[in-house]
Amino acid sequence: MTTTNTARELAEAYFSAWEAGEFDTLRELLAEDVDFVGALGTASGVTEALAGLKGLGQVLEKIDVKVRVVEGDEVITWFDLCTSIAPPAPTANWMHVENGKVTRIRVTFDPRGLLAGFEKRG
């Protein structure tokens, strides 16, 4: 079982790497079979998950973390997703960690602002 510190550290590293556009670091944090479900889509496996993170990363300006709660191998991070194309989106991200890797991610937020912003970009 992963310790709380390890799960917290993985979540912190995940968000730091994503915000900085360090996708090689992100790849190291994700399990090969990571499963992602979010408001803008789903991804099966590390390649698909990274493609989604890179896509949103093109407009990502800041991840303003409000609180992170850890219980065993589960981490929930509440943050404002700040992008160049929409007002900040309050977001909840739940991660499950196994064997030192993120294996499952679930994200929820109201996607209407981002969808409108992407539509305007063309």
PDB file of N, CA and C in Angstrom:
ATOM      1  N   MET A   1       0.838  -1.190   0.000  1.00  0.00           N
ATOM      2  CA  MET A   1       0.000   0.000   0.000  1.00  0.00           C
ATOM      3  C   MET A   1       0.878   1.245   0.000  1.00  0.00           C
ATOM      4  N   THR A   2       0.503   2.212  -0.782  1.00  0.00           N
ATOM      5  CA  THR A   2       1.240   3.458  -0.863  1.00  0.00           C
ATOM      6  C   THR A   2       0.955   4.292   0.374  1.00  0.00           C
ATOM      7  N   THR A   3       1.957   4.939   0.904  1.00  0.00           N
ATOM      8  CA  THR A   3       1.731   5.790   2.072  1.00  0.00           C
ATOM      9  C   THR A   3       1.053   7.080   1.644  1.00  0.00           C
ATOM     10  N   THR A   4       0.422   7.755   2.605  1.00  0.00           N
ATOM     11  CA  THR A   4      -0.247   9.018   2.317  1.00  0.00           C
ATOM     12  C   THR A   4       0.740  10.021   1.741  1.00  0.00           C
ATOM     13  N   ASN A   5       1.943  10.101   2.313  1.00  0.00           N
ATOM     14  CA  ASN A   5       2.935  11.038   1.802  1.00  0.00           C
ATOM     15  C   ASN A   5       3.259  10.752   0.344  1.00  0.00           C
ATOM     16  N   THR A   6       3.409   9.492  -0.006  1.00  0.00           N
ATOM     17  CA  THR A   6       3.723   9.159  -1.388  1.00  0.00           C
ATOM     18  C   THR A   6       2.575   9.551  -2.314  1.00  0.00           C
ATOM     19  N   ALA A   7       1.346   9.277  -1.949  1.00  0.00           N
ATOM     20  CA  ALA A   7       0.199   9.657  -2.773  1.00  0.00           C
ATOM     21  C   ALA A   7       0.136  11.180  -2.894  1.00  0.00           C
ATOM     22  N   ARG A   8       0.343  11.885  -1.803  1.00  0.00           N
ATOM     23  CA  ARG A   8       0.336  13.349  -1.833  1.00  0.00           C
ATOM     24  C   ARG A   8       1.464  13.867  -2.732  1.00  0.00           C
ATOM     25  N   GLU A   9       2.648  13.312  -2.565  1.00  0.00           N
ATOM     26  CA  GLU A   9       3.793  13.738  -3.368  1.00  0.00           C
ATOM     27  C   GLU A   9       3.548  13.493  -4.855  1.00  0.00           C
ATOM     28  N   LEU A  10       2.937  12.368  -5.191  1.00  0.00           N
ATOM     29  CA  LEU A  10       2.617  12.084  -6.593  1.00  0.00           C
ATOM     30  C   LEU A  10       1.628  13.106  -7.145  1.00  0.00           C
ATOM     31  N   ALA A  11       0.607  13.425  -6.367  1.00  0.00           N
ATOM     32  CA  ALA A  11      -0.376  14.417  -6.813  1.00  0.00           C
ATOM     33  C   ALA A  11       0.283  15.780  -6.990  1.00  0.00           C
ATOM     34  N   GLU A  12       1.114  16.165  -6.041  1.00  0.00           N
ATOM     35  CA  GLU A  12       1.805  17.452  -6.144  1.00  0.00           C
ATOM     36  C   GLU A  12       2.711  17.477  -7.373  1.00  0.00           C
ATOM     37  N   ALA A  13       3.442  16.385  -7.601  1.00  0.00           N
ATOM     38  CA  ALA A  13       4.338  16.311  -8.756  1.00  0.00           C
ATOM     39  C   ALA A  13       3.546  16.334 -10.066  1.00  0.00           C
ATOM     40  N   TYR A  14       2.407  15.656 -10.106  1.00  0.00           N
ATOM     41  CA  TYR A  14       1.549  15.613 -11.294  1.00  0.00           C
ATOM     42  C   TYR A  14       1.106  17.022 -11.689  1.00  0.00           C
ATOM     43  N   PHE A  15       0.560  17.755 -10.728  1.00  0.00           N
ATOM     44  CA  PHE A  15       0.064  19.095 -11.037  1.00  0.00           C
ATOM     45  C   PHE A  15       1.203  20.057 -11.367  1.00  0.00           C
ATOM     46  N   SER A  16       2.316  19.946 -10.678  1.00  0.00           N
ATOM     47  CA  SER A  16       3.471  20.808 -10.968  1.00  0.00           C
ATOM     48  C   SER A  16       3.999  20.547 -12.373  1.00  0.00           C
ATOM     49  N   ALA A  17       4.125  19.276 -12.738  1.00  0.00           N
ATOM     50  CA  ALA A  17       4.633  18.926 -14.065  1.00  0.00           C
ATOM     51  C   ALA A  17       3.668  19.372 -15.157  1.00  0.00           C
ATOM     52  N   TRP A  18       2.371  19.170 -14.938  1.00  0.00           N
ATOM     53  CA  TRP A  18       1.383  19.567 -15.948  1.00  0.00           C
ATOM     54  C   TRP A  18       1.411  21.079 -16.140  1.00  0.00           C
ATOM     55  N   GLU A  19       1.423  21.821 -15.040  1.00  0.00           N
ATOM     56  CA  GLU A  19       1.432  23.280 -15.121  1.00  0.00           C
ATOM     57  C   GLU A  19       2.681  23.784 -15.850  1.00  0.00           C
ATOM     58  N   ALA A  20       3.807  23.109 -15.639  1.00  0.00           N
ATOM     59  CA  ALA A  20       5.075  23.509 -16.260  1.00  0.00           C
ATOM     60  C   ALA A  20       5.250  22.956 -17.675  1.00  0.00           C
ATOM     61  N   GLY A  21       4.326  22.107 -18.126  1.00  0.00           N
ATOM     62  CA  GLY A  21       4.450  21.509 -19.451  1.00  0.00           C
ATOM     63  C   GLY A  21       5.541  20.453 -19.533  1.00  0.00           C
ATOM     64  N   GLU A  22       5.845  19.817 -18.411  1.00  0.00           N
ATOM     65  CA  GLU A  22       6.888  18.787 -18.347  1.00  0.00           C
ATOM     66  C   GLU A  22       6.255  17.404 -18.550  1.00  0.00           C
ATOM     67  N   PHE A  23       5.984  17.084 -19.797  1.00  0.00           N
ATOM     68  CA  PHE A  23       5.237  15.873 -20.107  1.00  0.00           C
ATOM     69  C   PHE A  23       6.053  14.598 -19.943  1.00  0.00           C
ATOM     70  N   ASP A  24       7.372  14.684 -20.052  1.00  0.00           N
ATOM     71  CA  ASP A  24       8.207  13.511 -19.769  1.00  0.00           C
ATOM     72  C   ASP A  24       8.103  13.144 -18.289  1.00  0.00           C
ATOM     73  N   THR A  25       8.075  14.158 -17.424  1.00  0.00           N
ATOM     74  CA  THR A  25       7.898  13.916 -15.986  1.00  0.00           C
ATOM     75  C   THR A  25       6.525  13.323 -15.727  1.00  0.00           C
ATOM     76  N   LEU A  26       5.502  13.863 -16.376  1.00  0.00           N
ATOM     77  CA  LEU A  26       4.143  13.330 -16.215  1.00  0.00           C
ATOM     78  C   LEU A  26       4.090  11.858 -16.590  1.00  0.00           C
ATOM     79  N   ARG A  27       4.736  11.500 -17.701  1.00  0.00           N
ATOM     80  CA  ARG A  27       4.736  10.098 -18.153  1.00  0.00           C
ATOM     81  C   ARG A  27       5.276   9.184 -17.052  1.00  0.00           C
ATOM     82  N   GLU A  28       6.305   9.626 -16.352  1.00  0.00           N
ATOM     83  CA  GLU A  28       6.903   8.821 -15.287  1.00  0.00           C
ATOM     84  C   GLU A  28       5.964   8.621 -14.098  1.00  0.00           C
ATOM     85  N   LEU A  29       5.028   9.543 -13.906  1.00  0.00           N
ATOM     86  CA  LEU A  29       4.115   9.480 -12.761  1.00  0.00           C
ATOM     87  C   LEU A  29       2.891   8.619 -13.030  1.00  0.00           C
ATOM     88  N   LEU A  30       2.579   8.410 -14.301  1.00  0.00           N
ATOM     89  CA  LEU A  30       1.371   7.687 -14.685  1.00  0.00           C
ATOM     90  C   LEU A  30       1.666   6.219 -14.974  1.00  0.00           C
ATOM     91  N   ALA A  31       0.762   5.354 -14.525  1.00  0.00           N
ATOM     92  CA  ALA A  31       0.859   3.930 -14.856  1.00  0.00           C
ATOM     93  C   ALA A  31       0.599   3.758 -16.352  1.00  0.00           C
ATOM     94  N   GLU A  32       1.186   2.724 -16.952  1.00  0.00           N
ATOM     95  CA  GLU A  32       0.990   2.461 -18.383  1.00  0.00           C
ATOM     96  C   GLU A  32      -0.491   2.317 -18.720  1.00  0.00           C
ATOM     97  N   ASP A  33      -1.277   1.743 -17.808  1.00  0.00           N
ATOM     98  CA  ASP A  33      -2.693   1.502 -18.058  1.00  0.00           C
ATOM     99  C   ASP A  33      -3.590   2.511 -17.334  1.00  0.00           C
ATOM    100  N   VAL A  34      -3.077   3.720 -17.088  1.00  0.00           N
ATOM    101  CA  VAL A  34      -3.862   4.737 -16.392  1.00  0.00           C
ATOM    102  C   VAL A  34      -5.205   4.923 -17.096  1.00  0.00           C
ATOM    103  N   ASP A  35      -6.233   5.130 -16.299  1.00  0.00           N
ATOM    104  CA  ASP A  35      -7.597   5.288 -16.790  1.00  0.00           C
ATOM    105  C   ASP A  35      -8.075   6.679 -16.404  1.00  0.00           C
ATOM    106  N   PHE A  36      -8.439   7.492 -17.388  1.00  0.00           N
ATOM    107  CA  PHE A  36      -8.849   8.869 -17.154  1.00  0.00           C
ATOM    108  C   PHE A  36     -10.271   9.079 -17.638  1.00  0.00           C
ATOM    109  N   VAL A  37     -11.091   9.715 -16.796  1.00  0.00           N
ATOM    110  CA  VAL A  37     -12.441  10.131 -17.185  1.00  0.00           C
ATOM    111  C   VAL A  37     -12.629  11.550 -16.695  1.00  0.00           C
ATOM    112  N   GLY A  38     -12.983  12.452 -17.623  1.00  0.00           N
ATOM    113  CA  GLY A  38     -13.173  13.854 -17.256  1.00  0.00           C
ATOM    114  C   GLY A  38     -14.304  14.488 -18.019  1.00  0.00           C
ATOM    115  N   ALA A  39     -14.516  15.763 -17.746  1.00  0.00           N
ATOM    116  CA  ALA A  39     -15.613  16.504 -18.356  1.00  0.00           C
ATOM    117  C   ALA A  39     -15.431  16.677 -19.861  1.00  0.00           C
ATOM    118  N   LEU A  40     -14.180  16.643 -20.343  1.00  0.00           N
ATOM    119  CA  LEU A  40     -13.922  16.846 -21.768  1.00  0.00           C
ATOM    120  C   LEU A  40     -13.595  15.567 -22.524  1.00  0.00           C
ATOM    121  N   GLY A  41     -13.565  14.417 -21.813  1.00  0.00           N
ATOM    122  CA  GLY A  41     -13.293  13.177 -22.511  1.00  0.00           C
ATOM    123  C   GLY A  41     -12.729  12.096 -21.619  1.00  0.00           C
ATOM    124  N   THR A  42     -12.373  10.992 -22.249  1.00  0.00           N
ATOM    125  CA  THR A  42     -11.803   9.853 -21.549  1.00  0.00           C
ATOM    126  C   THR A  42     -10.494   9.462 -22.225  1.00  0.00           C
ATOM    127  N   ALA A  43      -9.676   8.735 -21.478  1.00  0.00           N
ATOM    128  CA  ALA A  43      -8.415   8.246 -22.038  1.00  0.00           C
ATOM    129  C   ALA A  43      -8.083   6.917 -21.381  1.00  0.00           C
ATOM    130  N   SER A  44      -7.618   5.987 -22.184  1.00  0.00           N
ATOM    131  CA  SER A  44      -7.170   4.684 -21.698  1.00  0.00           C
ATOM    132  C   SER A  44      -5.691   4.535 -22.027  1.00  0.00           C
ATOM    133  N   GLY A  45      -4.877   4.451 -20.993  1.00  0.00           N
ATOM    134  CA  GLY A  45      -3.450   4.285 -21.190  1.00  0.00           C
ATOM    135  C   GLY A  45      -2.703   5.605 -21.152  1.00  0.00           C
ATOM    136  N   VAL A  46      -1.410   5.489 -20.913  1.00  0.00           N
ATOM    137  CA  VAL A  46      -0.583   6.676 -20.703  1.00  0.00           C
ATOM    138  C   VAL A  46      -0.488   7.548 -21.956  1.00  0.00           C
ATOM    139  N   THR A  47      -0.453   6.969 -23.130  1.00  0.00           N
ATOM    140  CA  THR A  47      -0.325   7.760 -24.356  1.00  0.00           C
ATOM    141  C   THR A  47      -1.552   8.643 -24.567  1.00  0.00           C
ATOM    142  N   GLU A  48      -2.744   8.062 -24.421  1.00  0.00           N
ATOM    143  CA  GLU A  48      -3.977   8.838 -24.574  1.00  0.00           C
ATOM    144  C   GLU A  48      -4.102   9.894 -23.476  1.00  0.00           C
ATOM    145  N   ALA A  49      -3.758   9.533 -22.246  1.00  0.00           N
ATOM    146  CA  ALA A  49      -3.855  10.479 -21.131  1.00  0.00           C
ATOM    147  C   ALA A  49      -2.937  11.674 -21.362  1.00  0.00           C
ATOM    148  N   LEU A  50      -1.709  11.409 -21.795  1.00  0.00           N
ATOM    149  CA  LEU A  50      -0.774  12.502 -22.070  1.00  0.00           C
ATOM    150  C   LEU A  50      -1.252  13.378 -23.221  1.00  0.00           C
ATOM    151  N   ALA A  51      -1.854  12.786 -24.231  1.00  0.00           N
ATOM    152  CA  ALA A  51      -2.378  13.569 -25.352  1.00  0.00           C
ATOM    153  C   ALA A  51      -3.446  14.551 -24.861  1.00  0.00           C
ATOM    154  N   GLY A  52      -4.319  14.095 -23.976  1.00  0.00           N
ATOM    155  CA  GLY A  52      -5.345  14.973 -23.424  1.00  0.00           C
ATOM    156  C   GLY A  52      -4.750  16.081 -22.574  1.00  0.00           C
ATOM    157  N   LEU A  53      -3.769  15.736 -21.744  1.00  0.00           N
ATOM    158  CA  LEU A  53      -3.118  16.739 -20.899  1.00  0.00           C
ATOM    159  C   LEU A  53      -2.364  17.760 -21.748  1.00  0.00           C
ATOM    160  N   LYS A  54      -1.738  17.306 -22.823  1.00  0.00           N
ATOM    161  CA  LYS A  54      -1.034  18.222 -23.727  1.00  0.00           C
ATOM    162  C   LYS A  54      -2.028  19.149 -24.424  1.00  0.00           C
ATOM    163  N   GLY A  55      -3.164  18.601 -24.836  1.00  0.00           N
ATOM    164  CA  GLY A  55      -4.177  19.413 -25.511  1.00  0.00           C
ATOM    165  C   GLY A  55      -4.645  20.557 -24.634  1.00  0.00           C
ATOM    166  N   LEU A  56      -5.019  20.253 -23.408  1.00  0.00           N
ATOM    167  CA  LEU A  56      -5.458  21.292 -22.488  1.00  0.00           C
ATOM    168  C   LEU A  56      -4.272  22.154 -22.057  1.00  0.00           C
ATOM    169  N   GLY A  57      -3.091  21.560 -22.049  1.00  0.00           N
ATOM    170  CA  GLY A  57      -1.883  22.296 -21.694  1.00  0.00           C
ATOM    171  C   GLY A  57      -1.587  23.455 -22.632  1.00  0.00           C
ATOM    172  N   GLN A  58      -2.099  23.416 -23.855  1.00  0.00           N
ATOM    173  CA  GLN A  58      -1.878  24.497 -24.819  1.00  0.00           C
ATOM    174  C   GLN A  58      -2.517  25.805 -24.377  1.00  0.00           C
ATOM    175  N   VAL A  59      -3.549  25.725 -23.543  1.00  0.00           N
ATOM    176  CA  VAL A  59      -4.227  26.940 -23.068  1.00  0.00           C
ATOM    177  C   VAL A  59      -4.097  27.112 -21.553  1.00  0.00           C
ATOM    178  N   LEU A  60      -3.447  26.168 -20.892  1.00  0.00           N
ATOM    179  CA  LEU A  60      -3.299  26.214 -19.434  1.00  0.00           C
ATOM    180  C   LEU A  60      -2.360  27.341 -19.021  1.00  0.00           C
ATOM    181  N   GLU A  61      -2.822  28.164 -18.092  1.00  0.00           N
ATOM    182  CA  GLU A  61      -1.982  29.236 -17.550  1.00  0.00           C
ATOM    183  C   GLU A  61      -1.548  28.947 -16.125  1.00  0.00           C
ATOM    184  N   LYS A  62      -2.462  28.397 -15.330  1.00  0.00           N
ATOM    185  CA  LYS A  62      -2.154  28.175 -13.924  1.00  0.00           C
ATOM    186  C   LYS A  62      -3.119  27.158 -13.333  1.00  0.00           C
ATOM    187  N   ILE A  63      -2.609  26.388 -12.389  1.00  0.00           N
ATOM    188  CA  ILE A  63      -3.443  25.491 -11.587  1.00  0.00           C
ATOM    189  C   ILE A  63      -3.373  26.040 -10.174  1.00  0.00           C
ATOM    190  N   ASP A  64      -4.454  26.666  -9.746  1.00  0.00           N
ATOM    191  CA  ASP A  64      -4.500  27.320  -8.437  1.00  0.00           C
ATOM    192  C   ASP A  64      -5.141  26.368  -7.425  1.00  0.00           C
ATOM    193  N   VAL A  65      -4.293  25.569  -6.760  1.00  0.00           N
ATOM    194  CA  VAL A  65      -4.776  24.554  -5.824  1.00  0.00           C
ATOM    195  C   VAL A  65      -5.329  25.227  -4.577  1.00  0.00           C
ATOM    196  N   LYS A  66      -6.532  24.842  -4.211  1.00  0.00           N
ATOM    197  CA  LYS A  66      -7.195  25.361  -3.011  1.00  0.00           C
ATOM    198  C   LYS A  66      -7.012  24.422  -1.834  1.00  0.00           C
ATOM    199  N   VAL A  67      -7.162  23.106  -2.090  1.00  0.00           N
ATOM    200  CA  VAL A  67      -7.004  22.113  -1.023  1.00  0.00           C
ATOM    201  C   VAL A  67      -6.708  20.756  -1.643  1.00  0.00           C
ATOM    202  N   ARG A  68      -5.955  19.948  -0.907  1.00  0.00           N
ATOM    203  CA  ARG A  68      -5.659  18.580  -1.332  1.00  0.00           C
ATOM    204  C   ARG A  68      -5.940  17.681  -0.130  1.00  0.00           C
ATOM    205  N   VAL A  69      -6.734  16.660  -0.336  1.00  0.00           N
ATOM    206  CA  VAL A  69      -7.103  15.734   0.729  1.00  0.00           C
ATOM    207  C   VAL A  69      -6.595  14.344   0.343  1.00  0.00           C
ATOM    208  N   VAL A  70      -5.904  13.706   1.263  1.00  0.00           N
ATOM    209  CA  VAL A  70      -5.324  12.395   0.999  1.00  0.00           C
ATOM    210  C   VAL A  70      -5.835  11.399   2.029  1.00  0.00           C
ATOM    211  N   GLU A  71      -6.256  10.254   1.535  1.00  0.00           N
ATOM    212  CA  GLU A  71      -6.653   9.148   2.399  1.00  0.00           C
ATOM    213  C   GLU A  71      -6.093   7.876   1.787  1.00  0.00           C
ATOM    214  N   GLY A  72      -5.019   7.385   2.373  1.00  0.00           N
ATOM    215  CA  GLY A  72      -4.375   6.181   1.840  1.00  0.00           C
ATOM    216  C   GLY A  72      -3.861   6.425   0.439  1.00  0.00           C
ATOM    217  N   ASP A  73      -4.376   5.650  -0.516  1.00  0.00           N
ATOM    218  CA  ASP A  73      -3.960   5.735  -1.916  1.00  0.00           C
ATOM    219  C   ASP A  73      -4.854   6.644  -2.744  1.00  0.00           C
ATOM    220  N   GLU A  74      -5.725   7.388  -2.099  1.00  0.00           N
ATOM    221  CA  GLU A  74      -6.675   8.264  -2.785  1.00  0.00           C
ATOM    222  C   GLU A  74      -6.317   9.718  -2.507  1.00  0.00           C
ATOM    223  N   VAL A  75      -6.336  10.539  -3.559  1.00  0.00           N
ATOM    224  CA  VAL A  75      -6.031  11.964  -3.424  1.00  0.00           C
ATOM    225  C   VAL A  75      -7.096  12.756  -4.171  1.00  0.00           C
ATOM    226  N   ILE A  76      -7.693  13.720  -3.492  1.00  0.00           N
ATOM    227  CA  ILE A  76      -8.613  14.643  -4.146  1.00  0.00           C
ATOM    228  C   ILE A  76      -7.998  16.033  -4.067  1.00  0.00           C
ATOM    229  N   THR A  77      -7.882  16.666  -5.218  1.00  0.00           N
ATOM    230  CA  THR A  77      -7.346  18.018  -5.304  1.00  0.00           C
ATOM    231  C   THR A  77      -8.443  18.931  -5.838  1.00  0.00           C
ATOM    232  N   TRP A  78      -8.728  19.993  -5.085  1.00  0.00           N
ATOM    233  CA  TRP A  78      -9.707  21.007  -5.508  1.00  0.00           C
ATOM    234  C   TRP A  78      -8.909  22.216  -5.961  1.00  0.00           C
ATOM    235  N   PHE A  79      -9.142  22.670  -7.198  1.00  0.00           N
ATOM    236  CA  PHE A  79      -8.350  23.771  -7.729  1.00  0.00           C
ATOM    237  C   PHE A  79      -9.140  24.584  -8.745  1.00  0.00           C
ATOM    238  N   ASP A  80      -8.640  25.775  -9.033  1.00  0.00           N
ATOM    239  CA  ASP A  80      -9.161  26.569 -10.138  1.00  0.00           C
ATOM    240  C   ASP A  80      -8.275  26.291 -11.345  1.00  0.00           C
ATOM    241  N   LEU A  81      -8.889  25.858 -12.420  1.00  0.00           N
ATOM    242  CA  LEU A  81      -8.196  25.611 -13.681  1.00  0.00           C
ATOM    243  C   LEU A  81      -8.211  26.922 -14.455  1.00  0.00           C
ATOM    244  N   CYS A  82      -7.065  27.572 -14.513  1.00  0.00           N
ATOM    245  CA  CYS A  82      -6.953  28.886 -15.153  1.00  0.00           C
ATOM    246  C   CYS A  82      -6.355  28.729 -16.542  1.00  0.00           C
ATOM    247  N   THR A  83      -7.114  29.183 -17.542  1.00  0.00           N
ATOM    248  CA  THR A  83      -6.674  29.063 -18.932  1.00  0.00           C
ATOM    249  C   THR A  83      -6.710  30.426 -19.612  1.00  0.00           C
ATOM    250  N   SER A  84      -6.126  30.470 -20.793  1.00  0.00           N
ATOM    251  CA  SER A  84      -6.107  31.700 -21.577  1.00  0.00           C
ATOM    252  C   SER A  84      -7.407  31.930 -22.347  1.00  0.00           C
ATOM    253  N   ILE A  85      -8.320  30.972 -22.318  1.00  0.00           N
ATOM    254  CA  ILE A  85      -9.511  31.063 -23.169  1.00  0.00           C
ATOM    255  C   ILE A  85     -10.831  31.095 -22.410  1.00  0.00           C
ATOM    256  N   ALA A  86     -10.785  31.022 -21.062  1.00  0.00           N
ATOM    257  CA  ALA A  86     -12.025  30.965 -20.290  1.00  0.00           C
ATOM    258  C   ALA A  86     -11.777  31.460 -18.865  1.00  0.00           C
ATOM    259  N   PRO A  87     -12.845  31.859 -18.186  1.00  0.00           N
ATOM    260  CA  PRO A  87     -12.684  32.203 -16.769  1.00  0.00           C
ATOM    261  C   PRO A  87     -12.212  30.979 -15.989  1.00  0.00           C
ATOM    262  N   PRO A  88     -11.577  31.166 -14.830  1.00  0.00           N
ATOM    263  CA  PRO A  88     -11.139  30.022 -14.015  1.00  0.00           C
ATOM    264  C   PRO A  88     -12.299  29.051 -13.761  1.00  0.00           C
ATOM    265  N   ALA A  89     -12.009  27.762 -13.889  1.00  0.00           N
ATOM    266  CA  ALA A  89     -13.021  26.721 -13.697  1.00  0.00           C
ATOM    267  C   ALA A  89     -12.730  25.969 -12.406  1.00  0.00           C
ATOM    268  N   PRO A  90     -13.601  26.111 -11.373  1.00  0.00           N
ATOM    269  CA  PRO A  90     -13.427  25.309 -10.166  1.00  0.00           C
ATOM    270  C   PRO A  90     -13.482  23.828 -10.535  1.00  0.00           C
ATOM    271  N   THR A  91     -12.475  23.054 -10.100  1.00  0.00           N
ATOM    272  CA  THR A  91     -12.283  21.685 -10.574  1.00  0.00           C
ATOM    273  C   THR A  91     -11.952  20.743  -9.425  1.00  0.00           C
ATOM    274  N   ALA A  92     -12.531  19.555  -9.469  1.00  0.00           N
ATOM    275  CA  ALA A  92     -12.182  18.486  -8.524  1.00  0.00           C
ATOM    276  C   ALA A  92     -11.495  17.375  -9.317  1.00  0.00           C
ATOM    277  N   ASN A  93     -10.357  16.922  -8.796  1.00  0.00           N
ATOM    278  CA  ASN A  93      -9.583  15.853  -9.429  1.00  0.00           C
ATOM    279  C   ASN A  93      -9.355  14.771  -8.380  1.00  0.00           C
ATOM    280  N   TRP A  94      -9.805  13.552  -8.678  1.00  0.00           N
ATOM    281  CA  TRP A  94      -9.569  12.417  -7.791  1.00  0.00           C
ATOM    282  C   TRP A  94      -8.594  11.478  -8.476  1.00  0.00           C
ATOM    283  N   MET A  95      -7.555  11.090  -7.743  1.00  0.00           N
ATOM    284  CA  MET A  95      -6.554  10.157  -8.253  1.00  0.00           C
ATOM    285  C   MET A  95      -6.464   8.945  -7.345  1.00  0.00           C
ATOM    286  N   HIS A  96      -6.202   7.803  -7.955  1.00  0.00           N
ATOM    287  CA  HIS A  96      -5.900   6.585  -7.209  1.00  0.00           C
ATOM    288  C   HIS A  96      -4.468   6.203  -7.558  1.00  0.00           C
ATOM    289  N   VAL A  97      -3.701   5.836  -6.540  1.00  0.00           N
ATOM    290  CA  VAL A  97      -2.286   5.518  -6.701  1.00  0.00           C
ATOM    291  C   VAL A  97      -2.050   4.055  -6.322  1.00  0.00           C
ATOM    292  N   GLU A  98      -1.292   3.358  -7.141  1.00  0.00           N
ATOM    293  CA  GLU A  98      -0.862   1.984  -6.841  1.00  0.00           C
ATOM    294  C   GLU A  98       0.596   1.835  -7.237  1.00  0.00           C
ATOM    295  N   ASN A  99       1.369   1.212  -6.373  1.00  0.00           N
ATOM    296  CA  ASN A  99       2.774   0.918  -6.664  1.00  0.00           C
ATOM    297  C   ASN A  99       3.553   2.139  -7.142  1.00  0.00           C
ATOM    298  N   GLY A 100       3.267   3.288  -6.526  1.00  0.00           N
ATOM    299  CA  GLY A 100       4.010   4.506  -6.828  1.00  0.00           C
ATOM    300  C   GLY A 100       3.645   5.188  -8.131  1.00  0.00           C
ATOM    301  N   LYS A 101       2.512   4.804  -8.741  1.00  0.00           N
ATOM    302  CA  LYS A 101       2.063   5.410  -9.998  1.00  0.00           C
ATOM    303  C   LYS A 101       0.582   5.780  -9.891  1.00  0.00           C
ATOM    304  N   VAL A 102       0.195   6.796 -10.630  1.00  0.00           N
ATOM    305  CA  VAL A 102      -1.214   7.174 -10.718  1.00  0.00           C
ATOM    306  C   VAL A 102      -1.885   6.208 -11.693  1.00  0.00           C
ATOM    307  N   THR A 103      -2.917   5.499 -11.208  1.00  0.00           N
ATOM    308  CA  THR A 103      -3.581   4.496 -12.041  1.00  0.00           C
ATOM    309  C   THR A 103      -4.968   4.920 -12.524  1.00  0.00           C
ATOM    310  N   ARG A 104      -5.594   5.852 -11.787  1.00  0.00           N
ATOM    311  CA  ARG A 104      -6.955   6.254 -12.145  1.00  0.00           C
ATOM    312  C   ARG A 104      -7.120   7.731 -11.824  1.00  0.00           C
ATOM    313  N   ILE A 105      -7.737   8.470 -12.745  1.00  0.00           N
ATOM    314  CA  ILE A 105      -8.001   9.893 -12.554  1.00  0.00           C
ATOM    315  C   ILE A 105      -9.443  10.162 -12.967  1.00  0.00           C
ATOM    316  N   ARG A 106     -10.145  10.870 -12.119  1.00  0.00           N
ATOM    317  CA  ARG A 106     -11.496  11.327 -12.423  1.00  0.00           C
ATOM    318  C   ARG A 106     -11.517  12.834 -12.179  1.00  0.00           C
ATOM    319  N   VAL A 107     -12.032  13.591 -13.139  1.00  0.00           N
ATOM    320  CA  VAL A 107     -12.041  15.044 -13.049  1.00  0.00           C
ATOM    321  C   VAL A 107     -13.440  15.551 -13.339  1.00  0.00           C
ATOM    322  N   THR A 108     -13.887  16.508 -12.528  1.00  0.00           N
ATOM    323  CA  THR A 108     -15.182  17.097 -12.798  1.00  0.00           C
ATOM    324  C   THR A 108     -15.116  18.615 -12.642  1.00  0.00           C
ATOM    325  N   PHE A 109     -15.752  19.291 -13.595  1.00  0.00           N
ATOM    326  CA  PHE A 109     -15.901  20.742 -13.585  1.00  0.00           C
ATOM    327  C   PHE A 109     -16.941  21.100 -14.635  1.00  0.00           C
ATOM    328  N   ASP A 110     -17.391  22.346 -14.618  1.00  0.00           N
ATOM    329  CA  ASP A 110     -18.327  22.817 -15.628  1.00  0.00           C
ATOM    330  C   ASP A 110     -17.512  23.186 -16.869  1.00  0.00           C
ATOM    331  N   PRO A 111     -17.642  22.442 -17.956  1.00  0.00           N
ATOM    332  CA  PRO A 111     -16.783  22.665 -19.125  1.00  0.00           C
ATOM    333  C   PRO A 111     -17.272  23.755 -20.078  1.00  0.00           C
ATOM    334  N   ARG A 112     -18.405  24.383 -19.801  1.00  0.00           N
ATOM    335  CA  ARG A 112     -18.989  25.311 -20.790  1.00  0.00           C
ATOM    336  C   ARG A 112     -18.058  26.462 -21.170  1.00  0.00           C
ATOM    337  N   GLY A 113     -17.351  27.043 -20.204  1.00  0.00           N
ATOM    338  CA  GLY A 113     -16.443  28.143 -20.512  1.00  0.00           C
ATOM    339  C   GLY A 113     -15.309  27.704 -21.422  1.00  0.00           C
ATOM    340  N   LEU A 114     -14.708  26.560 -21.109  1.00  0.00           N
ATOM    341  CA  LEU A 114     -13.618  26.045 -21.950  1.00  0.00           C
ATOM    342  C   LEU A 114     -14.113  25.687 -23.352  1.00  0.00           C
ATOM    343  N   LEU A 115     -15.256  25.034 -23.425  1.00  0.00           N
ATOM    344  CA  LEU A 115     -15.788  24.661 -24.743  1.00  0.00           C
ATOM    345  C   LEU A 115     -16.044  25.898 -25.602  1.00  0.00           C
ATOM    346  N   ALA A 116     -16.596  26.948 -24.994  1.00  0.00           N
ATOM    347  CA  ALA A 116     -16.835  28.203 -25.733  1.00  0.00           C
ATOM    348  C   ALA A 116     -15.504  28.825 -26.149  1.00  0.00           C
ATOM    349  N   GLY A 117     -14.513  28.773 -25.277  1.00  0.00           N
ATOM    350  CA  GLY A 117     -13.195  29.318 -25.596  1.00  0.00           C
ATOM    351  C   GLY A 117     -12.527  28.567 -26.727  1.00  0.00           C
ATOM    352  N   PHE A 118     -12.620  27.246 -26.715  1.00  0.00           N
ATOM    353  CA  PHE A 118     -12.048  26.448 -27.811  1.00  0.00           C
ATOM    354  C   PHE A 118     -12.770  26.756 -29.123  1.00  0.00           C
ATOM    355  N   GLU A 119     -14.091  26.933 -29.052  1.00  0.00           N
ATOM    356  CA  GLU A 119     -14.868  27.222 -30.258  1.00  0.00           C
ATOM    357  C   GLU A 119     -14.441  28.553 -30.861  1.00  0.00           C
ATOM    358  N   LYS A 120     -14.198  29.558 -30.036  1.00  0.00           N
ATOM    359  CA  LYS A 120     -13.765  30.873 -30.525  1.00  0.00           C
ATOM    360  C   LYS A 120     -12.381  30.815 -31.158  1.00  0.00           C
ATOM    361  N   ARG A 121     -11.510  29.926 -30.634  1.00  0.00           N
ATOM    362  CA  ARG A 121     -10.160  29.789 -31.185  1.00  0.00           C
ATOM    363  C   ARG A 121     -10.194  29.186 -32.584  1.00  0.00           C
ATOM    364  N   GLY A 122     -11.236  28.378 -32.815  1.00  0.00           N
ATOM    365  CA  GLY A 122     -11.371  27.749 -34.135  1.00  0.00           C
ATOM    366  C   GLY A 122     -10.660  26.516 -34.274  1.00  0.00           C
TER     367      GLY A 122
END
